[in-house]
Amino acid sequence: QVQLVESGGGLVQAGGSLRLSCAASGRTFTTYPMGWFRQAPGKEREFVLGITWSGRTIYSDSVKGRFTISRDNAKNTVYLEMNSLKAEDTATYYCAVKFGAMESYRLRRQSEYDYWGQGTQVTVSS
């Protein structure tokens, strides 16, 4: 059974930075397509960014230039580096993995992913 666990969330001031981690147990996952999503209170969950097995990264317009994704295969962990945080980045952040091939244009589709983490809360104060 695969389990994804996010961590690293917290309270940060606008303009600050946070690094979220997504660790997996049960299977090596860092070489597979991965996505980060978020859900703000009262809103639907939305795509943040995703990465294909080959390393191609797709970003939502709202985070482009501020957020990046990286992978540590040795630790079986994926990271979401968030810089220049804004109040509108406040949300619960989720990581997800697809155990199979996935073209970059499909990274935005939540239904494509096989496993999800439980989420970690990020609050940005203005």
N, C-alpha and C. Protein backbone atom coordinates (compact mmCIF):
# COMPACT_ATOMS: atom_id res chain seq x y z
N GLN A 1 0.84 -1.19 0.00
CA GLN A 1 0.00 0.00 0.00
C GLN A 1 0.88 1.24 0.00
N VAL A 2 0.62 2.14 -0.92
CA VAL A 2 1.39 3.37 -1.02
C VAL A 2 0.76 4.44 -0.14
N GLN A 3 1.59 5.14 0.57
CA GLN A 3 1.10 6.25 1.39
C GLN A 3 1.98 7.46 1.14
N LEU A 4 1.35 8.58 0.85
CA LEU A 4 2.06 9.85 0.68
C LEU A 4 1.77 10.72 1.89
N VAL A 5 2.81 11.35 2.40
CA VAL A 5 2.66 12.20 3.57
C VAL A 5 3.31 13.55 3.29
N GLU A 6 2.50 14.61 3.34
CA GLU A 6 3.03 15.95 3.17
C GLU A 6 3.41 16.53 4.53
N SER A 7 4.39 17.41 4.51
CA SER A 7 4.79 18.11 5.72
C SER A 7 5.43 19.43 5.32
N GLY A 8 5.65 20.27 6.33
CA GLY A 8 6.33 21.54 6.08
C GLY A 8 5.42 22.75 6.04
N GLY A 9 4.13 22.52 6.13
CA GLY A 9 3.22 23.65 6.13
C GLY A 9 3.32 24.45 7.42
N GLY A 10 2.69 25.61 7.41
CA GLY A 10 2.71 26.45 8.59
C GLY A 10 2.25 27.85 8.29
N LEU A 11 2.54 28.74 9.20
CA LEU A 11 2.16 30.15 9.08
C LEU A 11 3.39 30.94 8.67
N VAL A 12 3.24 31.76 7.64
CA VAL A 12 4.35 32.57 7.16
C VAL A 12 3.81 33.93 6.73
N GLN A 13 4.65 34.93 6.83
CA GLN A 13 4.24 36.26 6.40
C GLN A 13 4.33 36.38 4.88
N ALA A 14 3.53 37.26 4.35
CA ALA A 14 3.58 37.53 2.91
C ALA A 14 5.00 37.93 2.52
N GLY A 15 5.44 37.38 1.40
CA GLY A 15 6.80 37.64 0.95
C GLY A 15 7.79 36.59 1.41
N GLY A 16 7.37 35.75 2.34
CA GLY A 16 8.24 34.72 2.87
C GLY A 16 8.26 33.47 2.02
N SER A 17 8.94 32.45 2.56
CA SER A 17 9.12 31.20 1.84
C SER A 17 8.80 30.01 2.72
N LEU A 18 8.41 28.93 2.08
CA LEU A 18 8.21 27.66 2.76
C LEU A 18 8.62 26.55 1.80
N ARG A 19 9.04 25.43 2.37
CA ARG A 19 9.30 24.25 1.56
C ARG A 19 8.45 23.11 2.08
N LEU A 20 7.60 22.61 1.23
CA LEU A 20 6.78 21.46 1.57
C LEU A 20 7.47 20.19 1.10
N SER A 21 7.26 19.13 1.86
CA SER A 21 7.80 17.83 1.50
C SER A 21 6.67 16.84 1.28
N CYS A 22 6.91 15.93 0.38
CA CYS A 22 5.97 14.83 0.13
C CYS A 22 6.80 13.55 0.14
N ALA A 23 6.64 12.78 1.19
CA ALA A 23 7.39 11.54 1.34
C ALA A 23 6.47 10.36 1.10
N ALA A 24 7.04 9.30 0.55
CA ALA A 24 6.23 8.13 0.24
C ALA A 24 6.75 6.90 0.96
N SER A 25 5.83 6.03 1.29
CA SER A 25 6.19 4.71 1.80
C SER A 25 5.48 3.68 0.95
N GLY A 26 6.09 2.54 0.82
CA GLY A 26 5.46 1.47 0.09
C GLY A 26 5.93 1.29 -1.33
N ARG A 27 6.53 2.33 -1.90
CA ARG A 27 6.97 2.23 -3.28
C ARG A 27 7.80 3.46 -3.63
N THR A 28 8.81 3.26 -4.45
CA THR A 28 9.58 4.40 -4.96
C THR A 28 8.70 5.17 -5.93
N PHE A 29 8.61 6.46 -5.70
CA PHE A 29 7.67 7.23 -6.51
C PHE A 29 8.28 8.45 -7.17
N THR A 30 9.50 8.80 -6.83
CA THR A 30 10.05 10.08 -7.28
C THR A 30 10.33 10.13 -8.77
N THR A 31 10.37 8.98 -9.44
CA THR A 31 10.62 9.01 -10.88
C THR A 31 9.34 9.02 -11.69
N TYR A 32 8.21 9.00 -11.03
CA TYR A 32 6.93 9.00 -11.71
C TYR A 32 6.35 10.41 -11.78
N PRO A 33 5.35 10.62 -12.63
CA PRO A 33 4.70 11.93 -12.68
C PRO A 33 4.11 12.31 -11.33
N MET A 34 4.34 13.53 -10.94
CA MET A 34 3.89 14.03 -9.64
C MET A 34 3.17 15.34 -9.82
N GLY A 35 2.25 15.59 -8.93
CA GLY A 35 1.57 16.87 -8.98
C GLY A 35 1.37 17.44 -7.59
N TRP A 36 1.33 18.75 -7.52
CA TRP A 36 0.94 19.45 -6.30
C TRP A 36 -0.34 20.21 -6.59
N PHE A 37 -1.27 20.09 -5.69
CA PHE A 37 -2.55 20.77 -5.80
C PHE A 37 -2.81 21.51 -4.48
N ARG A 38 -3.78 22.40 -4.51
CA ARG A 38 -4.14 23.09 -3.28
C ARG A 38 -5.63 23.39 -3.25
N GLN A 39 -6.13 23.54 -2.05
CA GLN A 39 -7.54 23.87 -1.88
C GLN A 39 -7.68 24.93 -0.81
N ALA A 40 -8.18 26.07 -1.21
CA ALA A 40 -8.43 27.16 -0.28
C ALA A 40 -9.84 27.01 0.30
N PRO A 41 -10.08 27.58 1.45
CA PRO A 41 -11.42 27.47 2.07
C PRO A 41 -12.51 27.97 1.13
N GLY A 42 -13.53 27.15 0.96
CA GLY A 42 -14.65 27.54 0.12
C GLY A 42 -14.40 27.43 -1.37
N LYS A 43 -13.26 26.91 -1.75
CA LYS A 43 -12.93 26.78 -3.17
C LYS A 43 -12.64 25.34 -3.54
N GLU A 44 -12.67 25.07 -4.83
CA GLU A 44 -12.32 23.74 -5.29
C GLU A 44 -10.81 23.55 -5.30
N ARG A 45 -10.41 22.31 -5.23
CA ARG A 45 -8.99 22.01 -5.29
C ARG A 45 -8.48 22.35 -6.69
N GLU A 46 -7.30 22.95 -6.73
CA GLU A 46 -6.76 23.41 -8.01
C GLU A 46 -5.33 22.95 -8.19
N PHE A 47 -4.93 22.88 -9.44
CA PHE A 47 -3.58 22.48 -9.81
C PHE A 47 -2.61 23.60 -9.47
N VAL A 48 -1.44 23.21 -8.93
CA VAL A 48 -0.37 24.17 -8.63
C VAL A 48 0.76 23.97 -9.62
N LEU A 49 1.33 22.79 -9.61
CA LEU A 49 2.35 22.45 -10.58
C LEU A 49 2.52 20.94 -10.61
N GLY A 50 3.17 20.46 -11.67
CA GLY A 50 3.39 19.04 -11.81
C GLY A 50 4.66 18.78 -12.59
N ILE A 51 5.16 17.57 -12.47
CA ILE A 51 6.40 17.20 -13.13
C ILE A 51 6.25 15.82 -13.74
N THR A 52 6.72 15.67 -14.97
CA THR A 52 6.69 14.36 -15.63
C THR A 52 7.89 13.52 -15.20
N TRP A 53 7.93 12.28 -15.64
CA TRP A 53 9.04 11.41 -15.29
C TRP A 53 10.35 11.95 -15.83
N SER A 54 10.27 12.66 -16.95
CA SER A 54 11.48 13.18 -17.58
C SER A 54 11.93 14.50 -16.98
N GLY A 55 11.13 15.06 -16.09
CA GLY A 55 11.51 16.30 -15.44
C GLY A 55 10.86 17.55 -15.98
N ARG A 56 10.00 17.38 -16.98
CA ARG A 56 9.32 18.55 -17.50
C ARG A 56 8.29 19.02 -16.48
N THR A 57 8.31 20.31 -16.18
CA THR A 57 7.45 20.87 -15.15
C THR A 57 6.42 21.81 -15.77
N ILE A 58 5.21 21.68 -15.32
CA ILE A 58 4.12 22.53 -15.75
C ILE A 58 3.63 23.32 -14.54
N TYR A 59 3.43 24.61 -14.72
CA TYR A 59 3.04 25.48 -13.61
C TYR A 59 1.68 26.11 -13.89
N SER A 60 0.95 26.36 -12.82
CA SER A 60 -0.21 27.22 -12.97
C SER A 60 0.28 28.65 -13.09
N ASP A 61 -0.47 29.49 -13.75
CA ASP A 61 -0.05 30.88 -13.94
C ASP A 61 0.14 31.60 -12.61
N SER A 62 -0.62 31.21 -11.62
CA SER A 62 -0.59 31.91 -10.34
C SER A 62 0.70 31.69 -9.56
N VAL A 63 1.44 30.63 -9.87
CA VAL A 63 2.66 30.34 -9.10
C VAL A 63 3.92 30.38 -9.95
N LYS A 64 3.77 30.56 -11.23
CA LYS A 64 4.93 30.55 -12.12
C LYS A 64 5.91 31.64 -11.71
N GLY A 65 7.18 31.24 -11.60
CA GLY A 65 8.21 32.17 -11.20
C GLY A 65 8.41 32.25 -9.69
N ARG A 66 7.49 31.65 -8.93
CA ARG A 66 7.59 31.69 -7.46
C ARG A 66 7.75 30.31 -6.84
N PHE A 67 7.14 29.30 -7.43
CA PHE A 67 7.17 27.94 -6.89
C PHE A 67 8.00 27.05 -7.80
N THR A 68 8.70 26.12 -7.19
CA THR A 68 9.44 25.12 -7.95
C THR A 68 9.27 23.75 -7.29
N ILE A 69 9.51 22.72 -8.07
CA ILE A 69 9.42 21.36 -7.57
C ILE A 69 10.78 20.69 -7.75
N SER A 70 11.14 19.85 -6.81
CA SER A 70 12.38 19.10 -6.92
C SER A 70 12.18 17.72 -6.32
N ARG A 71 13.06 16.82 -6.69
CA ARG A 71 12.92 15.43 -6.23
C ARG A 71 14.24 14.95 -5.64
N ASP A 72 14.16 14.21 -4.56
CA ASP A 72 15.31 13.56 -3.96
C ASP A 72 15.04 12.06 -4.02
N ASN A 73 15.62 11.40 -5.02
CA ASN A 73 15.34 9.98 -5.20
C ASN A 73 15.85 9.14 -4.03
N ALA A 74 16.97 9.54 -3.45
CA ALA A 74 17.54 8.77 -2.35
C ALA A 74 16.61 8.77 -1.14
N LYS A 75 15.90 9.88 -0.94
CA LYS A 75 14.99 9.98 0.21
C LYS A 75 13.55 9.66 -0.18
N ASN A 76 13.33 9.36 -1.46
CA ASN A 76 11.98 9.09 -1.93
C ASN A 76 11.02 10.21 -1.53
N THR A 77 11.47 11.42 -1.79
CA THR A 77 10.74 12.61 -1.35
C THR A 77 10.72 13.64 -2.47
N VAL A 78 9.60 14.30 -2.58
CA VAL A 78 9.45 15.40 -3.53
C VAL A 78 9.19 16.67 -2.74
N TYR A 79 9.74 17.78 -3.22
CA TYR A 79 9.63 19.05 -2.50
C TYR A 79 8.91 20.09 -3.34
N LEU A 80 8.19 20.94 -2.66
CA LEU A 80 7.60 22.11 -3.29
C LEU A 80 8.19 23.33 -2.60
N GLU A 81 9.02 24.05 -3.33
CA GLU A 81 9.64 25.26 -2.80
C GLU A 81 8.76 26.45 -3.17
N MET A 82 8.31 27.17 -2.17
CA MET A 82 7.40 28.29 -2.40
C MET A 82 8.06 29.58 -1.92
N ASN A 83 8.22 30.50 -2.83
CA ASN A 83 8.84 31.79 -2.52
C ASN A 83 7.87 32.93 -2.82
N SER A 84 8.18 34.09 -2.28
CA SER A 84 7.35 35.28 -2.49
C SER A 84 5.89 34.98 -2.24
N LEU A 85 5.62 34.35 -1.14
CA LEU A 85 4.26 33.92 -0.84
C LEU A 85 3.31 35.09 -0.67
N LYS A 86 2.08 34.85 -1.11
CA LYS A 86 1.03 35.85 -1.04
C LYS A 86 -0.13 35.31 -0.21
N ALA A 87 -0.97 36.20 0.25
CA ALA A 87 -2.11 35.78 1.05
C ALA A 87 -2.98 34.79 0.28
N GLU A 88 -3.08 34.97 -1.01
CA GLU A 88 -3.91 34.09 -1.83
C GLU A 88 -3.32 32.69 -2.01
N ASP A 89 -2.12 32.48 -1.53
CA ASP A 89 -1.54 31.14 -1.55
C ASP A 89 -2.01 30.31 -0.36
N THR A 90 -2.72 30.92 0.55
CA THR A 90 -3.24 30.20 1.71
C THR A 90 -4.17 29.09 1.27
N ALA A 91 -3.85 27.87 1.69
CA ALA A 91 -4.62 26.70 1.26
C ALA A 91 -4.04 25.46 1.92
N THR A 92 -4.77 24.37 1.76
CA THR A 92 -4.21 23.06 2.09
C THR A 92 -3.57 22.52 0.82
N TYR A 93 -2.34 22.09 0.94
CA TYR A 93 -1.57 21.63 -0.21
C TYR A 93 -1.47 20.10 -0.20
N TYR A 94 -1.69 19.52 -1.38
CA TYR A 94 -1.69 18.08 -1.55
C TYR A 94 -0.69 17.66 -2.62
N CYS A 95 -0.01 16.55 -2.38
CA CYS A 95 0.79 15.96 -3.44
C CYS A 95 0.07 14.72 -3.94
N ALA A 96 0.38 14.38 -5.17
CA ALA A 96 -0.25 13.22 -5.80
C ALA A 96 0.74 12.59 -6.77
N VAL A 97 0.58 11.30 -7.00
CA VAL A 97 1.47 10.56 -7.89
C VAL A 97 0.68 9.70 -8.86
N LYS A 98 1.25 9.56 -10.03
CA LYS A 98 0.68 8.69 -11.05
C LYS A 98 1.71 7.60 -11.33
N PHE A 99 1.37 6.34 -11.07
CA PHE A 99 2.30 5.25 -11.33
C PHE A 99 2.13 4.75 -12.75
N GLY A 100 2.65 5.54 -13.64
CA GLY A 100 2.57 5.22 -15.05
C GLY A 100 2.97 6.43 -15.86
N ALA A 101 2.96 6.25 -17.17
CA ALA A 101 3.31 7.36 -18.04
C ALA A 101 2.18 8.38 -18.08
N MET A 102 2.56 9.62 -18.22
CA MET A 102 1.55 10.68 -18.32
C MET A 102 2.16 11.86 -19.05
N GLU A 103 1.52 12.26 -20.12
CA GLU A 103 2.01 13.42 -20.85
C GLU A 103 1.82 14.67 -20.01
N SER A 104 2.62 15.66 -20.31
CA SER A 104 2.62 16.87 -19.48
C SER A 104 1.26 17.56 -19.46
N TYR A 105 0.51 17.47 -20.57
CA TYR A 105 -0.76 18.19 -20.61
C TYR A 105 -1.79 17.56 -19.66
N ARG A 106 -1.54 16.34 -19.22
CA ARG A 106 -2.47 15.66 -18.32
C ARG A 106 -2.16 15.93 -16.85
N LEU A 107 -1.05 16.54 -16.56
CA LEU A 107 -0.65 16.79 -15.18
C LEU A 107 -1.69 17.60 -14.41
N ARG A 108 -2.44 18.44 -15.10
CA ARG A 108 -3.41 19.30 -14.43
C ARG A 108 -4.69 18.56 -14.00
N ARG A 109 -4.86 17.36 -14.50
CA ARG A 109 -6.11 16.63 -14.28
C ARG A 109 -6.03 15.80 -13.00
N GLN A 110 -6.83 16.12 -12.02
CA GLN A 110 -6.78 15.42 -10.74
C GLN A 110 -7.15 13.95 -10.89
N SER A 111 -8.02 13.64 -11.83
CA SER A 111 -8.47 12.26 -12.01
C SER A 111 -7.38 11.33 -12.53
N GLU A 112 -6.27 11.90 -13.00
CA GLU A 112 -5.20 11.08 -13.56
C GLU A 112 -4.33 10.40 -12.48
N TYR A 113 -4.38 10.93 -11.28
CA TYR A 113 -3.46 10.48 -10.24
C TYR A 113 -3.98 9.28 -9.47
N ASP A 114 -3.03 8.43 -9.05
CA ASP A 114 -3.39 7.19 -8.36
C ASP A 114 -3.46 7.34 -6.85
N TYR A 115 -2.55 8.14 -6.28
CA TYR A 115 -2.50 8.27 -4.82
C TYR A 115 -2.34 9.74 -4.45
N TRP A 116 -2.92 10.07 -3.31
CA TRP A 116 -2.88 11.43 -2.79
C TRP A 116 -2.43 11.41 -1.34
N GLY A 117 -1.78 12.49 -0.94
CA GLY A 117 -1.47 12.68 0.46
C GLY A 117 -2.66 13.28 1.19
N GLN A 118 -2.50 13.48 2.48
CA GLN A 118 -3.59 13.97 3.31
C GLN A 118 -3.65 15.49 3.36
N GLY A 119 -2.61 16.13 2.89
CA GLY A 119 -2.57 17.59 2.84
C GLY A 119 -1.83 18.21 4.01
N THR A 120 -1.28 19.39 3.73
CA THR A 120 -0.63 20.18 4.78
C THR A 120 -1.06 21.63 4.60
N GLN A 121 -1.36 22.28 5.72
CA GLN A 121 -1.93 23.62 5.67
C GLN A 121 -0.84 24.68 5.56
N VAL A 122 -1.04 25.59 4.64
CA VAL A 122 -0.17 26.75 4.50
C VAL A 122 -1.02 28.01 4.68
N THR A 123 -0.61 28.84 5.60
CA THR A 123 -1.32 30.09 5.85
C THR A 123 -0.35 31.24 5.68
N VAL A 124 -0.71 32.17 4.82
CA VAL A 124 0.14 33.33 4.55
C VAL A 124 -0.57 34.56 5.07
N SER A 125 0.06 35.23 6.02
CA SER A 125 -0.54 36.42 6.60
C SER A 125 -0.07 37.66 5.84
N SER A 126 -1.00 38.57 5.66
CA SER A 126 -0.67 39.78 4.89
C SER A 126 -0.36 40.95 5.82
